[in-house]
Protein backbone atom coordinates (compact mmCIF):
# COMPACT_ATOMS: atom_id res chain seq x y z
CA MET A 1 11.83 22.29 7.70
CA PRO A 2 14.79 20.33 7.22
CA ASP A 3 14.53 17.00 5.24
CA PRO A 4 11.96 14.09 6.68
CA VAL A 5 13.94 11.20 7.88
CA VAL A 6 12.69 7.97 6.60
CA LEU A 7 12.02 5.01 8.79
CA ARG A 8 10.27 2.51 6.73
CA ALA A 9 9.72 2.08 3.04
CA GLY A 10 7.54 -0.07 1.10
CA PHE A 11 4.77 -1.31 -1.00
CA SER A 12 2.89 -4.11 -2.55
CA PRO A 13 3.62 -5.33 -5.86
CA ILE A 14 0.56 -7.37 -6.19
CA LYS A 15 -2.55 -5.05 -5.12
CA GLY A 16 -3.74 -6.15 -2.11
CA THR A 17 -1.32 -8.55 -0.51
CA ARG A 18 0.92 -8.17 2.32
CA HIS A 19 2.99 -4.47 2.59
CA LEU A 20 6.20 -4.89 2.11
CA SER A 21 9.04 -3.06 4.33
CA LEU A 22 11.93 -3.05 1.73
CA GLU A 23 15.42 -1.42 2.05
CA GLN A 24 14.96 1.06 -0.53
CA VAL A 25 12.33 2.45 -2.83
CA THR A 26 13.37 3.95 -6.60
CA LEU A 27 10.94 6.73 -7.52
CA ASP A 28 9.48 7.23 -10.94
CA GLN A 29 7.39 9.63 -12.37
CA TYR A 30 4.41 7.36 -10.97
CA GLY A 31 5.75 6.79 -7.67
CA ALA A 32 7.08 3.91 -6.54
CA ALA A 33 8.62 1.70 -8.81
CA GLY A 34 6.78 -1.84 -9.06
CA ASP A 35 4.15 -0.89 -6.63
CA ARG A 36 1.10 -2.11 -7.61
CA ARG A 37 2.15 -3.41 -10.93
CA LEU A 38 -0.04 -6.78 -10.28
CA CYS A 39 -3.33 -7.19 -9.95
CA LEU A 40 -6.30 -10.04 -9.00
CA VAL A 41 -8.92 -10.22 -11.49
CA ASP A 42 -12.22 -11.35 -11.01
CA VAL A 43 -12.55 -11.99 -14.82
CA THR A 44 -16.18 -13.07 -14.65
CA ALA A 45 -17.10 -9.46 -12.66
CA ARG A 46 -14.24 -7.62 -14.81
CA ARG A 47 -13.62 -6.28 -11.76
CA VAL A 48 -10.23 -5.69 -9.59
CA LEU A 49 -9.98 -7.65 -6.44
CA ARG A 50 -10.48 -5.27 -3.49
CA THR A 51 -8.90 -5.38 -0.19
CA VAL A 52 -11.60 -4.60 1.99
CA GLN A 53 -13.75 -7.66 0.25
CA HIS A 54 -11.36 -9.72 0.24
CA PRO A 55 -8.93 -9.50 3.59
CA ALA A 56 -7.02 -12.38 3.56
CA LEU A 57 -4.98 -11.32 0.79
CA THR A 58 -2.99 -9.15 3.07
CA ALA A 59 -1.55 -12.42 4.54
CA VAL A 60 -0.01 -13.37 1.24
CA ASP A 61 3.92 -12.15 0.60
CA ALA A 62 4.27 -11.63 -2.68
CA ARG A 63 7.92 -10.17 -3.83
CA GLU A 64 9.12 -9.93 -7.51
CA HIS A 65 12.54 -9.47 -8.61
CA ASP A 66 13.83 -9.37 -12.11
CA GLY A 67 10.75 -10.11 -13.38
CA VAL A 68 10.29 -13.53 -11.32
CA LEU A 69 7.64 -13.59 -9.08
CA SER A 70 7.49 -15.75 -5.80
CA VAL A 71 4.09 -15.69 -4.05
CA THR A 72 4.12 -17.21 -0.43
CA LEU A 73 0.79 -18.41 1.59
CA PRO A 74 0.35 -18.02 5.36
CA ASP A 75 0.39 -21.90 5.50
CA GLY A 76 3.90 -21.98 3.82
CA ARG A 77 2.49 -23.07 0.59
CA GLY A 78 4.13 -21.17 -2.40
CA THR A 79 5.42 -20.82 -6.22
CA VAL A 80 8.00 -18.95 -7.76
CA GLY A 81 7.89 -17.90 -11.57
CA ALA A 82 7.78 -15.35 -14.14
CA PRO A 83 4.44 -13.91 -14.71
CA ALA A 84 3.83 -14.97 -18.55
CA PRO A 85 1.89 -12.16 -20.44
CA THR A 86 -1.00 -13.91 -22.43
CA ALA A 87 -2.96 -11.93 -25.59
CA GLU A 88 -5.99 -11.07 -23.82
CA ARG A 89 -6.80 -7.37 -22.24
CA LEU A 90 -9.64 -7.06 -19.84
CA VAL A 91 -10.63 -4.04 -18.79
CA CYS A 92 -12.09 -3.66 -15.48
CA ASP A 93 -13.68 -1.85 -12.87
CA TYR A 94 -11.03 -0.59 -10.27
CA TRP A 95 -13.69 1.68 -7.99
CA GLY A 96 -15.66 2.92 -10.53
CA ARG A 97 -12.80 3.33 -12.95
CA PRO A 98 -12.07 1.45 -15.72
CA ALA A 99 -8.60 -0.02 -15.93
CA GLU A 100 -7.08 -1.71 -18.90
CA LEU A 101 -5.27 -4.89 -17.75
CA THR A 102 -3.35 -7.39 -19.34
CA LEU A 103 -3.82 -10.94 -18.22
CA LEU A 104 -1.00 -13.51 -16.93
CA GLY A 105 -0.43 -16.65 -17.04
CA GLY A 106 1.83 -19.09 -14.93
CA PRO A 107 0.79 -20.83 -11.33
CA HIS A 108 0.30 -17.61 -9.27
CA GLY A 109 -3.44 -17.59 -10.10
CA ALA A 110 -4.40 -21.17 -9.42
CA LEU A 111 -2.79 -20.64 -6.13
CA LEU A 112 -4.38 -17.62 -5.41
CA SER A 113 -7.61 -19.09 -6.37
CA ASP A 114 -7.17 -22.05 -4.39
CA TYR A 115 -6.39 -20.00 -1.51
CA LEU A 116 -9.30 -17.24 -2.00
CA GLY A 117 -11.94 -19.89 -2.64
CA LYS A 118 -12.94 -18.47 -5.71
CA PRO A 119 -11.41 -18.06 -9.30
CA VAL A 120 -9.14 -15.00 -10.03
CA THR A 121 -6.46 -14.41 -12.40
CA LEU A 122 -3.61 -12.63 -12.21
CA ALA A 123 -2.67 -9.60 -14.45
CA SER A 124 -0.74 -6.52 -15.18
CA ALA A 125 -2.16 -3.27 -14.74
CA PRO A 126 -0.10 -0.14 -16.42
CA PRO A 127 1.35 2.82 -13.69
CA ARG A 128 -0.85 3.75 -11.51
CA ALA A 129 -4.04 2.25 -12.99
CA VAL A 130 -5.01 0.15 -9.69
CA VAL A 131 -3.75 2.85 -7.08
CA TYR A 132 -6.21 4.77 -5.42
CA GLY A 133 -4.55 8.30 -5.06
CA ALA A 134 -1.46 10.04 -6.05
CA GLY A 135 1.70 7.46 -6.36
CA VAL A 136 3.31 8.10 -3.21
CA SER A 137 1.52 7.99 0.14
CA LEU A 138 2.97 9.55 3.59
CA VAL A 139 2.76 8.82 7.15
CA THR A 140 4.54 10.46 10.09
CA ARG A 141 6.01 8.69 13.07
CA SER A 142 4.15 10.91 15.61
CA SER A 143 0.97 10.66 14.10
CA LEU A 144 1.57 6.61 14.62
CA ASP A 145 2.15 7.29 18.05
CA ASP A 146 -0.55 9.65 18.53
CA LEU A 147 -3.20 7.31 17.25
CA ALA A 148 -1.78 4.33 19.48
CA ALA A 149 -1.82 6.35 22.67
CA ARG A 150 -5.54 7.45 21.89
CA ALA A 151 -6.36 4.07 20.82
CA GLY A 152 -5.25 2.54 24.04
CA THR A 153 -3.09 -0.30 22.51
CA ALA A 154 -0.31 -2.36 24.39
CA THR A 155 1.69 -2.03 21.49
CA ALA A 156 2.92 0.60 18.61
CA VAL A 157 0.34 0.52 15.74
CA ASP A 158 2.07 -1.50 12.98
CA PRO A 159 2.56 0.78 9.83
CA ALA A 160 1.78 -1.84 7.64
CA ARG A 161 -1.79 -1.29 8.63
CA PHE A 162 -2.11 2.27 6.62
CA ARG A 163 0.26 0.91 3.79
CA ALA A 164 2.08 4.34 3.16
CA THR A 165 4.97 4.51 0.86
CA PHE A 166 7.21 5.78 3.48
CA VAL A 167 6.70 6.17 6.86
CA ILE A 168 8.65 9.58 8.04
CA ASP A 169 9.92 11.44 10.86
CA THR A 170 9.88 15.55 11.16
CA GLY A 171 10.70 16.29 15.01
CA ASP A 172 7.21 17.84 14.87
CA GLY A 173 4.19 17.22 16.76
CA PRO A 174 1.26 14.85 15.38
CA GLY A 175 -1.02 15.93 12.63
CA THR A 176 1.87 18.44 11.31
CA GLU A 177 1.63 17.13 7.83
CA ASP A 178 -1.95 18.37 7.99
CA GLU A 179 -0.45 21.49 6.83
CA TRP A 180 1.95 20.24 4.03
CA ALA A 181 -0.22 20.41 0.68
CA GLY A 182 2.02 22.16 -2.13
CA ARG A 183 5.26 21.77 0.21
CA GLU A 184 7.96 20.26 -1.63
CA LEU A 185 10.07 17.30 0.60
CA ARG A 186 13.48 15.59 -0.12
CA LEU A 187 13.57 11.92 0.17
CA GLY A 188 16.61 10.39 -0.37
CA THR A 189 17.50 11.36 -3.77
CA ALA A 190 14.26 12.03 -4.84
CA LEU A 191 11.67 15.22 -5.10
CA VAL A 192 7.73 14.94 -4.10
CA ARG A 193 5.33 17.37 -3.51
CA VAL A 194 2.41 16.63 -1.05
CA GLY A 195 -0.73 16.87 -2.08
CA GLY A 196 -4.13 16.13 0.48
CA GLY A 197 -4.99 13.98 3.11
CA ILE A 198 -5.75 10.44 2.79
CA GLY A 199 -8.92 9.12 3.72
CA ARG A 200 -8.67 5.89 5.61
CA CYS A 201 -11.40 3.18 5.56
CA ALA A 202 -11.86 -0.27 7.25
CA VAL A 203 -8.64 -1.83 5.47
CA ILE A 204 -7.22 -0.51 8.65
CA ASP A 205 -8.52 -2.59 10.98
CA ILE A 206 -7.62 -5.50 9.23
CA ASP A 207 -4.42 -7.07 10.67
CA PRO A 208 -1.44 -7.26 8.09
CA SER A 209 0.07 -10.31 9.20
CA THR A 210 -2.76 -12.45 9.55
CA GLY A 211 -5.34 -10.81 7.36
CA GLU A 212 -7.70 -10.94 10.39
CA ARG A 213 -10.18 -8.13 11.08
CA GLY A 214 -10.57 -7.10 14.72
CA SER A 215 -9.11 -3.30 15.63
CA ARG A 216 -10.69 -0.13 16.48
CA LEU A 217 -8.41 2.07 14.57
CA LEU A 218 -11.05 3.42 12.08
CA ARG A 219 -13.14 4.45 14.96
CA THR A 220 -10.25 5.75 16.77
CA LEU A 221 -9.47 7.79 13.98
CA ALA A 222 -13.15 8.91 13.34
CA ALA A 223 -13.66 10.37 16.30
CA TYR A 224 -10.88 13.00 16.08
CA ARG A 225 -9.14 13.38 12.38
CA PRO A 226 -10.57 15.70 9.93
CA ARG A 227 -12.93 13.99 6.94
CA ASN A 228 -12.56 14.07 3.20
CA PRO A 229 -15.85 14.75 1.20
CA ALA A 230 -16.77 11.17 1.26
CA GLY A 231 -16.77 11.46 5.48
CA GLU A 232 -13.73 9.64 5.58
CA PRO A 233 -11.26 10.24 8.28
CA CYS A 234 -7.94 11.58 7.11
CA PHE A 235 -4.53 10.06 8.18
CA GLY A 236 -1.27 10.52 6.22
CA VAL A 237 -0.97 12.40 2.95
CA TYR A 238 -0.43 11.74 -0.85
CA ALA A 239 2.21 13.24 -2.76
CA ASP A 240 3.00 12.96 -6.60
CA VAL A 241 6.72 12.49 -7.63
CA ILE A 242 8.13 16.05 -9.32
CA GLY A 243 12.44 14.75 -8.84
CA PRO A 244 12.43 10.94 -9.46
CA GLY A 245 15.47 8.85 -7.38
CA VAL A 246 16.35 6.56 -4.73
CA VAL A 247 15.11 6.48 -0.90
CA ILE A 248 16.72 4.13 1.54
CA ALA A 249 15.40 2.94 4.44
CA PRO A 250 17.37 2.52 7.51
CA SER A 251 16.63 -1.10 8.05
CA GLY A 252 14.36 -2.65 5.44
CA HIS A 253 12.18 -4.40 8.51
CA PRO A 254 8.92 -3.04 10.30
CA LEU A 255 8.77 0.13 12.26
CA ARG A 256 7.99 -0.33 16.01
CA SER A 257 7.97 2.93 18.29
CA PRO A 258 9.53 2.66 21.82
């Protein structure tokens, strides 16, 4: 198989916020550099906020550059500044596993607390500490188009619903990625090794622009896709970085199928 064409690249600097479409992504040994480096914490419960329980987060635009974090809410309110590490560390639950986090000061936590209607604190996380699977995730365009056809949607499925590091085109038909386990793929100047399928949950039914629930994509996937041991329908594949490098996307804008 020839090297895949990268159609979209992106991630979220704060876990659960809008999945950004970026012009380029740097892959280090852990995955996409800066991906989910930050998260929001319920300090009282000692728990990292979960997107499926706080869908409004997906409508928050968060961007980080040279240590400066900008956060913009859907209503236009926002704040910009460098999060200040505190001396406080907290071990929090992240889907049943412990994550040792550093709590951060600054205006971001107060803004997001007001938006979510509950007190939350911004925290920094070690690489992959609040990443559910491997450091890179891949979804193919052919599989997205096939899903749209099966779901009967009037427009293409927004790939941001799947929060994949990369949307790629291999020239093959839908589901071809199911056979890639153990295969090495060249993405830009980086090299990754493909792992298993990604089990999907109700997060994909959350509109990535508004944070509202409403699609039937999970039900559609459940009707035809293979499932993981937890019973979740798989869509897309995980990958590990075996050769760091830079991956450039063609536009840095959301992919739309014709």
